[in-house]
Amino acid sequence: MNFIFFILIGFAITNAFVFLHVFHWFRELISGLSDFDFYHLAQKEELVGFRHAYLGRLVRCHACFGFWVGAFLSFFSNGVINKYIDIPLCLSVIGDGLILSACCFVLWLMLKNLGAEDL
């Protein structure tokens, strides 16, 4: 039952940050950071003009944001799969993040196919 609550709470948080208008300011803030040019901070030639484009995609992707929500929830709940399998907390955080990422993506696909995106 703990694991089901973890998935449902993680999906709700992910869905809220990725889609809801309430967190539009957060998505715009992160997207603004992804447009920031780190040209003046670059020390090596291969980093000249480097941009953090990943940050802008992070807050618009269920799988990407779901991983970090899962890792965050797992870290503060002392690991979810750690309760079923005896593994170190760092591996449990990564595993929980991966599991929540996959579940968020599958749940989002199911809702999208059911027409929930049109609401």
C-alpha atoms as a PDB file:
ATOM      1  CA  MET A   1       0.000   0.000   0.000  1.00  0.00           C
ATOM      2  CA  ASN A   2       2.939   2.313   0.714  1.00  0.00           C
ATOM      3  CA  PHE A   3       4.181   1.844  -2.834  1.00  0.00           C
ATOM      4  CA  ILE A   4       0.778   2.668  -4.383  1.00  0.00           C
ATOM      5  CA  PHE A   5       0.581   5.886  -2.359  1.00  0.00           C
ATOM      6  CA  PHE A   6       4.116   6.741  -3.466  1.00  0.00           C
ATOM      7  CA  ILE A   7       3.121   6.320  -7.129  1.00  0.00           C
ATOM      8  CA  LEU A   8      -0.140   8.285  -6.778  1.00  0.00           C
ATOM      9  CA  ILE A   9       1.404  11.154  -4.806  1.00  0.00           C
ATOM     10  CA  GLY A  10       4.391  11.300  -7.158  1.00  0.00           C
ATOM     11  CA  PHE A  11       2.146  11.351 -10.230  1.00  0.00           C
ATOM     12  CA  ALA A  12      -0.044  14.066  -8.711  1.00  0.00           C
ATOM     13  CA  ILE A  13       2.970  16.277  -7.954  1.00  0.00           C
ATOM     14  CA  THR A  14       4.485  15.651 -11.382  1.00  0.00           C
ATOM     15  CA  ASN A  15       1.217  16.303 -13.180  1.00  0.00           C
ATOM     16  CA  ALA A  16       0.674  19.502 -11.204  1.00  0.00           C
ATOM     17  CA  PHE A  17       4.096  20.926 -12.032  1.00  0.00           C
ATOM     18  CA  VAL A  18       4.025  19.872 -15.684  1.00  0.00           C
ATOM     19  CA  PHE A  19       0.476  20.944 -16.597  1.00  0.00           C
ATOM     20  CA  LEU A  20      -1.379  23.088 -14.055  1.00  0.00           C
ATOM     21  CA  HIS A  21      -1.641  26.832 -14.573  1.00  0.00           C
ATOM     22  CA  VAL A  22      -0.785  27.426 -10.902  1.00  0.00           C
ATOM     23  CA  PHE A  23       2.823  26.397 -11.569  1.00  0.00           C
ATOM     24  CA  HIS A  24       3.144  28.306 -14.846  1.00  0.00           C
ATOM     25  CA  TRP A  25       5.455  30.780 -13.123  1.00  0.00           C
ATOM     26  CA  PHE A  26       7.746  27.903 -12.085  1.00  0.00           C
ATOM     27  CA  ARG A  27       7.920  26.522 -15.634  1.00  0.00           C
ATOM     28  CA  GLU A  28       8.679  29.994 -17.008  1.00  0.00           C
ATOM     29  CA  LEU A  29      11.363  30.560 -14.371  1.00  0.00           C
ATOM     30  CA  ILE A  30      13.115  27.285 -15.200  1.00  0.00           C
ATOM     31  CA  SER A  31      12.718  27.880 -18.953  1.00  0.00           C
ATOM     32  CA  GLY A  32      14.254  31.321 -18.481  1.00  0.00           C
ATOM     33  CA  LEU A  33      17.259  29.704 -16.844  1.00  0.00           C
ATOM     34  CA  SER A  34      17.595  27.372 -19.807  1.00  0.00           C
ATOM     35  CA  ASP A  35      17.857  30.402 -22.121  1.00  0.00           C
ATOM     36  CA  PHE A  36      20.668  31.898 -20.058  1.00  0.00           C
ATOM     37  CA  ASP A  37      23.915  31.891 -21.987  1.00  0.00           C
ATOM     38  CA  PHE A  38      26.838  30.638 -19.937  1.00  0.00           C
ATOM     39  CA  TYR A  39      29.338  32.045 -22.433  1.00  0.00           C
ATOM     40  CA  HIS A  40      31.030  34.275 -19.897  1.00  0.00           C
ATOM     41  CA  LEU A  41      31.280  31.447 -17.357  1.00  0.00           C
ATOM     42  CA  ALA A  42      32.949  28.998 -19.736  1.00  0.00           C
ATOM     43  CA  GLN A  43      36.579  28.246 -19.029  1.00  0.00           C
ATOM     44  CA  LYS A  44      37.187  25.646 -21.729  1.00  0.00           C
ATOM     45  CA  GLU A  45      36.697  25.976 -25.480  1.00  0.00           C
ATOM     46  CA  GLU A  46      34.173  23.130 -25.712  1.00  0.00           C
ATOM     47  CA  LEU A  47      31.956  24.860 -23.143  1.00  0.00           C
ATOM     48  CA  VAL A  48      31.777  28.186 -24.974  1.00  0.00           C
ATOM     49  CA  GLY A  49      28.136  28.990 -25.686  1.00  0.00           C
ATOM     50  CA  PHE A  50      26.924  26.093 -23.529  1.00  0.00           C
ATOM     51  CA  ARG A  51      23.239  26.379 -22.614  1.00  0.00           C
ATOM     52  CA  HIS A  52      21.248  24.439 -20.077  1.00  0.00           C
ATOM     53  CA  ALA A  53      18.490  23.506 -22.519  1.00  0.00           C
ATOM     54  CA  TYR A  54      17.737  20.440 -20.409  1.00  0.00           C
ATOM     55  CA  LEU A  55      16.194  22.574 -17.665  1.00  0.00           C
ATOM     56  CA  GLY A  56      13.463  23.881 -19.972  1.00  0.00           C
ATOM     57  CA  ARG A  57      12.548  20.365 -21.075  1.00  0.00           C
ATOM     58  CA  LEU A  58      12.715  19.039 -17.521  1.00  0.00           C
ATOM     59  CA  VAL A  59       9.593  20.890 -16.380  1.00  0.00           C
ATOM     60  CA  ARG A  60       7.563  19.892 -19.452  1.00  0.00           C
ATOM     61  CA  CYS A  61       8.291  16.151 -19.446  1.00  0.00           C
ATOM     62  CA  HIS A  62       6.500  13.637 -17.203  1.00  0.00           C
ATOM     63  CA  ALA A  63       9.327  11.121 -17.292  1.00  0.00           C
ATOM     64  CA  CYS A  64      12.057  13.700 -16.590  1.00  0.00           C
ATOM     65  CA  PHE A  65      10.289  15.571 -13.813  1.00  0.00           C
ATOM     66  CA  GLY A  66       8.862  12.315 -12.420  1.00  0.00           C
ATOM     67  CA  PHE A  67      12.363  10.984 -11.819  1.00  0.00           C
ATOM     68  CA  TRP A  68      13.340  13.970  -9.683  1.00  0.00           C
ATOM     69  CA  VAL A  69      10.033  13.942  -7.800  1.00  0.00           C
ATOM     70  CA  GLY A  70      10.520  10.228  -7.105  1.00  0.00           C
ATOM     71  CA  ALA A  71      14.085  10.758  -5.931  1.00  0.00           C
ATOM     72  CA  PHE A  72      13.006  13.667  -3.706  1.00  0.00           C
ATOM     73  CA  LEU A  73      10.084  11.744  -2.173  1.00  0.00           C
ATOM     74  CA  SER A  74      12.242   8.667  -1.700  1.00  0.00           C
ATOM     75  CA  PHE A  75      15.014  10.604   0.022  1.00  0.00           C
ATOM     76  CA  PHE A  76      12.640  12.213   2.508  1.00  0.00           C
ATOM     77  CA  SER A  77      10.641   9.025   3.134  1.00  0.00           C
ATOM     78  CA  ASN A  78      13.837   6.999   3.696  1.00  0.00           C
ATOM     79  CA  GLY A  79      13.370   4.976   0.509  1.00  0.00           C
ATOM     80  CA  VAL A  80      10.274   3.181  -0.698  1.00  0.00           C
ATOM     81  CA  ILE A  81      11.741   0.075  -2.341  1.00  0.00           C
ATOM     82  CA  ASN A  82      14.182  -0.017   0.557  1.00  0.00           C
ATOM     83  CA  LYS A  83      11.264  -1.262   2.658  1.00  0.00           C
ATOM     84  CA  TYR A  84      10.912  -4.327   0.402  1.00  0.00           C
ATOM     85  CA  ILE A  85      14.542  -4.970  -0.586  1.00  0.00           C
ATOM     86  CA  ASP A  86      17.465  -4.346   1.733  1.00  0.00           C
ATOM     87  CA  ILE A  87      19.631  -1.941  -0.311  1.00  0.00           C
ATOM     88  CA  PRO A  88      21.480   1.278   0.556  1.00  0.00           C
ATOM     89  CA  LEU A  89      19.484   4.506   0.568  1.00  0.00           C
ATOM     90  CA  CYS A  90      21.359   5.989  -2.406  1.00  0.00           C
ATOM     91  CA  LEU A  91      20.354   3.035  -4.609  1.00  0.00           C
ATOM     92  CA  SER A  92      16.812   3.180  -3.282  1.00  0.00           C
ATOM     93  CA  VAL A  93      16.552   6.876  -4.210  1.00  0.00           C
ATOM     94  CA  ILE A  94      17.735   6.180  -7.767  1.00  0.00           C
ATOM     95  CA  GLY A  95      15.492   3.116  -8.080  1.00  0.00           C
ATOM     96  CA  ASP A  96      12.451   4.957  -6.751  1.00  0.00           C
ATOM     97  CA  GLY A  97      13.123   7.818  -9.151  1.00  0.00           C
ATOM     98  CA  LEU A  98      13.319   5.445 -12.102  1.00  0.00           C
ATOM     99  CA  ILE A  99      10.170   3.587 -11.066  1.00  0.00           C
ATOM    100  CA  LEU A 100       8.185   6.788 -10.571  1.00  0.00           C
ATOM    101  CA  SER A 101       9.482   8.149 -13.880  1.00  0.00           C
ATOM    102  CA  ALA A 102       8.222   5.088 -15.737  1.00  0.00           C
ATOM    103  CA  CYS A 103       4.887   5.071 -13.881  1.00  0.00           C
ATOM    104  CA  CYS A 104       4.320   8.792 -14.526  1.00  0.00           C
ATOM    105  CA  PHE A 105       4.994   8.308 -18.219  1.00  0.00           C
ATOM    106  CA  VAL A 106       2.675   5.290 -18.497  1.00  0.00           C
ATOM    107  CA  LEU A 107      -0.112   7.003 -16.529  1.00  0.00           C
ATOM    108  CA  TRP A 108       0.259  10.135 -18.668  1.00  0.00           C
ATOM    109  CA  LEU A 109       0.025   8.046 -21.864  1.00  0.00           C
ATOM    110  CA  MET A 110      -3.095   6.307 -20.555  1.00  0.00           C
ATOM    111  CA  LEU A 111      -4.747   9.617 -19.682  1.00  0.00           C
ATOM    112  CA  LYS A 112      -3.745  11.123 -23.005  1.00  0.00           C
ATOM    113  CA  ASN A 113      -5.248   8.191 -24.915  1.00  0.00           C
ATOM    114  CA  LEU A 114      -8.447   8.547 -22.892  1.00  0.00           C
ATOM    115  CA  GLY A 115      -8.705  12.200 -23.986  1.00  0.00           C
ATOM    116  CA  ALA A 116      -7.813  13.818 -20.654  1.00  0.00           C
ATOM    117  CA  GLU A 117      -5.464  16.249 -22.391  1.00  0.00           C
ATOM    118  CA  ASP A 118      -8.442  17.935 -24.056  1.00  0.00           C
ATOM    119  CA  LEU A 119     -10.017  18.885 -20.711  1.00  0.00           C
END
